[in-house]
Amino acid sequence: MTDQEEQSLKEARRVEKRAVEEAEQLVKDQKRRKANLAREEAIEKASKARKTKESEKRAAEEIGQSAKDQARKKANMAREQAIAEAQEARKLKAKKQPPQ
């Protein structure tokens, strides 16, 4: 084998080796991109789930607060009604009693 043939063979092996390395690197890059995408999707899914849960919790708290507010208003109205009735009863009682 001549020196030039040997150089050509070495060059062909080097080119082949480089092609294999590039193919392997491409596969690694694709796996890395796929893993990154899966990780990002998992993060996004968890974020959406967390936001949904927070929204549901907030809605439940608002409903509870609304019920408390209504109960407080009703109690206040009942108390005011009782005070008004007591005042009216005192007035009637004062009218029925003769002046001293």
N, C-alpha and C. Protein backbone atom coordinates (compact mmCIF):
# COMPACT_ATOMS: atom_id res chain seq x y z
N MET A 1 0.85 -1.15 0.00
CA MET A 1 0.00 0.00 0.00
C MET A 1 0.91 1.23 0.00
N THR A 2 0.54 2.16 -0.84
CA THR A 2 1.38 3.35 -0.94
C THR A 2 1.03 4.33 0.17
N ASP A 3 1.91 5.28 0.33
CA ASP A 3 1.74 6.29 1.37
C ASP A 3 0.46 7.10 1.14
N GLN A 4 0.18 7.39 -0.13
CA GLN A 4 -1.01 8.16 -0.46
C GLN A 4 -2.27 7.35 -0.17
N GLU A 5 -2.27 6.08 -0.47
CA GLU A 5 -3.42 5.21 -0.19
C GLU A 5 -3.66 5.11 1.31
N GLU A 6 -2.55 5.01 2.05
CA GLU A 6 -2.64 4.94 3.51
C GLU A 6 -3.23 6.23 4.08
N GLN A 7 -2.81 7.37 3.53
CA GLN A 7 -3.35 8.67 3.96
C GLN A 7 -4.84 8.76 3.63
N SER A 8 -5.21 8.29 2.46
CA SER A 8 -6.62 8.31 2.05
C SER A 8 -7.45 7.43 2.97
N LEU A 9 -6.93 6.28 3.35
CA LEU A 9 -7.62 5.37 4.25
C LEU A 9 -7.78 6.01 5.64
N LYS A 10 -6.72 6.64 6.12
CA LYS A 10 -6.78 7.32 7.42
C LYS A 10 -7.81 8.45 7.37
N GLU A 11 -7.80 9.20 6.30
CA GLU A 11 -8.73 10.31 6.14
C GLU A 11 -10.17 9.78 6.09
N ALA A 12 -10.40 8.68 5.39
CA ALA A 12 -11.73 8.08 5.30
C ALA A 12 -12.19 7.63 6.69
N ARG A 13 -11.30 7.02 7.47
CA ARG A 13 -11.63 6.59 8.83
C ARG A 13 -11.95 7.80 9.72
N ARG A 14 -11.16 8.86 9.56
CA ARG A 14 -11.38 10.06 10.34
C ARG A 14 -12.75 10.68 10.01
N VAL A 15 -13.07 10.73 8.73
CA VAL A 15 -14.36 11.27 8.29
C VAL A 15 -15.50 10.41 8.84
N GLU A 16 -15.33 9.09 8.76
CA GLU A 16 -16.34 8.17 9.26
C GLU A 16 -16.52 8.32 10.77
N LYS A 17 -15.39 8.44 11.47
CA LYS A 17 -15.43 8.60 12.92
C LYS A 17 -16.15 9.91 13.29
N ARG A 18 -15.84 10.97 12.55
CA ARG A 18 -16.48 12.25 12.80
C ARG A 18 -17.98 12.16 12.54
N ALA A 19 -18.37 11.46 11.49
CA ALA A 19 -19.79 11.31 11.17
C ALA A 19 -20.50 10.55 12.29
N VAL A 20 -19.87 9.51 12.83
CA VAL A 20 -20.45 8.75 13.94
C VAL A 20 -20.58 9.64 15.18
N GLU A 21 -19.53 10.40 15.47
CA GLU A 21 -19.57 11.30 16.64
C GLU A 21 -20.65 12.35 16.49
N GLU A 22 -20.79 12.89 15.29
CA GLU A 22 -21.82 13.89 15.05
C GLU A 22 -23.22 13.29 15.23
N ALA A 23 -23.40 12.06 14.74
CA ALA A 23 -24.69 11.38 14.89
C ALA A 23 -24.98 11.12 16.37
N GLU A 24 -23.96 10.70 17.11
CA GLU A 24 -24.14 10.47 18.55
C GLU A 24 -24.47 11.77 19.26
N GLN A 25 -23.80 12.84 18.89
CA GLN A 25 -24.06 14.15 19.51
C GLN A 25 -25.48 14.62 19.19
N LEU A 26 -25.91 14.37 17.97
CA LEU A 26 -27.27 14.73 17.58
C LEU A 26 -28.28 13.99 18.44
N VAL A 27 -28.06 12.70 18.66
CA VAL A 27 -28.96 11.91 19.48
C VAL A 27 -28.97 12.45 20.92
N LYS A 28 -27.80 12.77 21.46
CA LYS A 28 -27.72 13.33 22.81
C LYS A 28 -28.47 14.66 22.90
N ASP A 29 -28.28 15.51 21.89
CA ASP A 29 -28.96 16.80 21.87
C ASP A 29 -30.48 16.63 21.83
N GLN A 30 -30.93 15.67 21.00
CA GLN A 30 -32.36 15.42 20.91
C GLN A 30 -32.92 14.92 22.24
N LYS A 31 -32.19 14.03 22.90
CA LYS A 31 -32.62 13.53 24.21
C LYS A 31 -32.68 14.66 25.23
N ARG A 32 -31.68 15.52 25.22
CA ARG A 32 -31.63 16.64 26.15
C ARG A 32 -32.81 17.59 25.90
N ARG A 33 -33.07 17.90 24.62
CA ARG A 33 -34.19 18.78 24.30
C ARG A 33 -35.52 18.15 24.73
N LYS A 34 -35.65 16.86 24.49
CA LYS A 34 -36.88 16.16 24.87
C LYS A 34 -37.05 16.18 26.40
N ALA A 35 -35.98 15.94 27.13
CA ALA A 35 -36.03 15.96 28.60
C ALA A 35 -36.36 17.36 29.10
N ASN A 36 -35.76 18.38 28.48
CA ASN A 36 -36.05 19.77 28.87
C ASN A 36 -37.52 20.11 28.61
N LEU A 37 -38.01 19.70 27.48
CA LEU A 37 -39.41 19.96 27.13
C LEU A 37 -40.34 19.26 28.12
N ALA A 38 -40.04 18.02 28.45
CA ALA A 38 -40.86 17.27 29.41
C ALA A 38 -40.83 17.96 30.77
N ARG A 39 -39.66 18.42 31.18
CA ARG A 39 -39.53 19.11 32.47
C ARG A 39 -40.35 20.41 32.46
N GLU A 40 -40.25 21.18 31.38
CA GLU A 40 -41.01 22.43 31.28
C GLU A 40 -42.52 22.16 31.29
N GLU A 41 -42.94 21.10 30.59
CA GLU A 41 -44.36 20.76 30.58
C GLU A 41 -44.84 20.36 31.97
N ALA A 42 -44.00 19.60 32.69
CA ALA A 42 -44.37 19.20 34.05
C ALA A 42 -44.49 20.41 34.97
N ILE A 43 -43.56 21.35 34.81
CA ILE A 43 -43.61 22.58 35.62
C ILE A 43 -44.87 23.37 35.30
N GLU A 44 -45.17 23.49 34.02
CA GLU A 44 -46.36 24.24 33.60
C GLU A 44 -47.64 23.57 34.11
N LYS A 45 -47.68 22.25 34.03
CA LYS A 45 -48.85 21.51 34.50
C LYS A 45 -49.02 21.70 36.01
N ALA A 46 -47.92 21.62 36.76
CA ALA A 46 -47.98 21.83 38.21
C ALA A 46 -48.42 23.25 38.52
N SER A 47 -47.94 24.20 37.75
CA SER A 47 -48.31 25.59 37.97
C SER A 47 -49.81 25.80 37.72
N LYS A 48 -50.31 25.22 36.65
CA LYS A 48 -51.74 25.33 36.36
C LYS A 48 -52.57 24.69 37.46
N ALA A 49 -52.13 23.53 37.92
CA ALA A 49 -52.85 22.83 38.99
C ALA A 49 -52.85 23.67 40.27
N ARG A 50 -51.71 24.27 40.58
CA ARG A 50 -51.61 25.11 41.77
C ARG A 50 -52.54 26.33 41.66
N LYS A 51 -52.54 26.96 40.48
CA LYS A 51 -53.41 28.13 40.27
C LYS A 51 -54.88 27.75 40.38
N THR A 52 -55.23 26.60 39.83
CA THR A 52 -56.61 26.13 39.90
C THR A 52 -57.00 25.89 41.35
N LYS A 53 -56.12 25.23 42.09
CA LYS A 53 -56.40 24.95 43.50
C LYS A 53 -56.54 26.25 44.29
N GLU A 54 -55.66 27.21 44.05
CA GLU A 54 -55.74 28.50 44.73
C GLU A 54 -57.04 29.21 44.38
N SER A 55 -57.43 29.15 43.12
CA SER A 55 -58.66 29.79 42.67
C SER A 55 -59.88 29.16 43.36
N GLU A 56 -59.89 27.83 43.44
CA GLU A 56 -60.98 27.13 44.10
C GLU A 56 -61.02 27.48 45.58
N LYS A 57 -59.86 27.55 46.20
CA LYS A 57 -59.79 27.90 47.62
C LYS A 57 -60.31 29.32 47.84
N ARG A 58 -59.88 30.23 46.99
CA ARG A 58 -60.32 31.62 47.08
C ARG A 58 -61.84 31.72 46.92
N ALA A 59 -62.39 30.98 45.97
CA ALA A 59 -63.84 31.00 45.74
C ALA A 59 -64.57 30.47 46.97
N ALA A 60 -64.07 29.39 47.55
CA ALA A 60 -64.69 28.83 48.75
C ALA A 60 -64.62 29.82 49.90
N GLU A 61 -63.49 30.50 50.05
CA GLU A 61 -63.34 31.50 51.11
C GLU A 61 -64.31 32.66 50.90
N GLU A 62 -64.48 33.08 49.65
CA GLU A 62 -65.40 34.18 49.35
C GLU A 62 -66.83 33.78 49.67
N ILE A 63 -67.20 32.55 49.37
CA ILE A 63 -68.55 32.07 49.68
C ILE A 63 -68.74 32.04 51.20
N GLY A 64 -67.73 31.54 51.90
CA GLY A 64 -67.80 31.51 53.36
C GLY A 64 -67.89 32.90 53.95
N GLN A 65 -67.11 33.82 53.42
CA GLN A 65 -67.14 35.20 53.91
C GLN A 65 -68.49 35.84 53.64
N SER A 66 -69.05 35.56 52.47
CA SER A 66 -70.37 36.10 52.12
C SER A 66 -71.42 35.58 53.09
N ALA A 67 -71.36 34.31 53.43
CA ALA A 67 -72.31 33.73 54.38
C ALA A 67 -72.14 34.37 55.76
N LYS A 68 -70.89 34.59 56.17
CA LYS A 68 -70.64 35.25 57.46
C LYS A 68 -71.20 36.67 57.45
N ASP A 69 -70.97 37.38 56.35
CA ASP A 69 -71.46 38.75 56.23
C ASP A 69 -72.99 38.79 56.33
N GLN A 70 -73.63 37.87 55.64
CA GLN A 70 -75.10 37.83 55.68
C GLN A 70 -75.60 37.51 57.09
N ALA A 71 -74.95 36.57 57.76
CA ALA A 71 -75.34 36.22 59.13
C ALA A 71 -75.14 37.41 60.06
N ARG A 72 -74.04 38.12 59.89
CA ARG A 72 -73.77 39.30 60.72
C ARG A 72 -74.83 40.38 60.48
N LYS A 73 -75.17 40.62 59.21
CA LYS A 73 -76.20 41.61 58.90
C LYS A 73 -77.54 41.22 59.51
N LYS A 74 -77.87 39.95 59.41
CA LYS A 74 -79.13 39.46 59.96
C LYS A 74 -79.13 39.63 61.48
N ALA A 75 -78.03 39.31 62.14
CA ALA A 75 -77.93 39.47 63.59
C ALA A 75 -78.03 40.94 63.98
N ASN A 76 -77.37 41.80 63.21
CA ASN A 76 -77.44 43.24 63.49
C ASN A 76 -78.88 43.76 63.35
N MET A 77 -79.55 43.32 62.30
CA MET A 77 -80.93 43.74 62.08
C MET A 77 -81.82 43.25 63.22
N ALA A 78 -81.61 42.01 63.64
CA ALA A 78 -82.41 41.45 64.74
C ALA A 78 -82.15 42.23 66.03
N ARG A 79 -80.90 42.58 66.29
CA ARG A 79 -80.53 43.35 67.49
C ARG A 79 -81.18 44.75 67.42
N GLU A 80 -81.08 45.39 66.25
CA GLU A 80 -81.70 46.71 66.10
C GLU A 80 -83.22 46.64 66.28
N GLN A 81 -83.81 45.57 65.76
CA GLN A 81 -85.26 45.38 65.91
C GLN A 81 -85.62 45.20 67.38
N ALA A 82 -84.81 44.42 68.09
CA ALA A 82 -85.07 44.19 69.52
C ALA A 82 -84.92 45.49 70.30
N ILE A 83 -83.92 46.28 69.97
CA ILE A 83 -83.72 47.57 70.64
C ILE A 83 -84.91 48.49 70.37
N ALA A 84 -85.33 48.54 69.13
CA ALA A 84 -86.47 49.40 68.76
C ALA A 84 -87.73 48.95 69.50
N GLU A 85 -87.96 47.65 69.56
CA GLU A 85 -89.14 47.13 70.26
C GLU A 85 -89.06 47.45 71.75
N ALA A 86 -87.87 47.32 72.33
CA ALA A 86 -87.71 47.63 73.76
C ALA A 86 -87.97 49.11 74.01
N GLN A 87 -87.50 49.97 73.13
CA GLN A 87 -87.73 51.41 73.29
C GLN A 87 -89.23 51.72 73.18
N GLU A 88 -89.86 51.08 72.24
CA GLU A 88 -91.29 51.28 72.05
C GLU A 88 -92.06 50.80 73.28
N ALA A 89 -91.64 49.66 73.80
CA ALA A 89 -92.31 49.14 75.01
C ALA A 89 -92.11 50.10 76.18
N ARG A 90 -90.95 50.67 76.34
CA ARG A 90 -90.69 51.64 77.42
C ARG A 90 -91.56 52.89 77.24
N LYS A 91 -91.68 53.34 76.01
CA LYS A 91 -92.52 54.52 75.74
C LYS A 91 -93.97 54.25 76.12
N LEU A 92 -94.47 53.07 75.70
CA LEU A 92 -95.85 52.72 76.03
C LEU A 92 -96.05 52.62 77.54
N LYS A 93 -95.07 52.02 78.20
CA LYS A 93 -95.14 51.86 79.65
C LYS A 93 -95.13 53.24 80.33
N ALA A 94 -94.30 54.13 79.80
CA ALA A 94 -94.21 55.48 80.38
C ALA A 94 -95.53 56.23 80.16
N LYS A 95 -96.20 56.04 79.04
CA LYS A 95 -97.47 56.70 78.76
C LYS A 95 -98.57 56.18 79.68
N LYS A 96 -98.56 54.89 79.98
CA LYS A 96 -99.59 54.28 80.80
C LYS A 96 -99.45 54.69 82.26
N GLN A 97 -98.26 54.95 82.70
CA GLN A 97 -98.06 55.36 84.11
C GLN A 97 -98.43 56.82 84.26
N PRO A 98 -99.19 57.10 85.31
CA PRO A 98 -99.54 58.51 85.52
C PRO A 98 -98.32 59.29 85.97
N PRO A 99 -98.27 60.56 85.65
CA PRO A 99 -97.13 61.37 86.07
C PRO A 99 -97.10 61.49 87.58
N GLN A 100 -95.94 61.56 88.11
CA GLN A 100 -95.80 61.61 89.57
C GLN A 100 -95.57 62.97 90.09
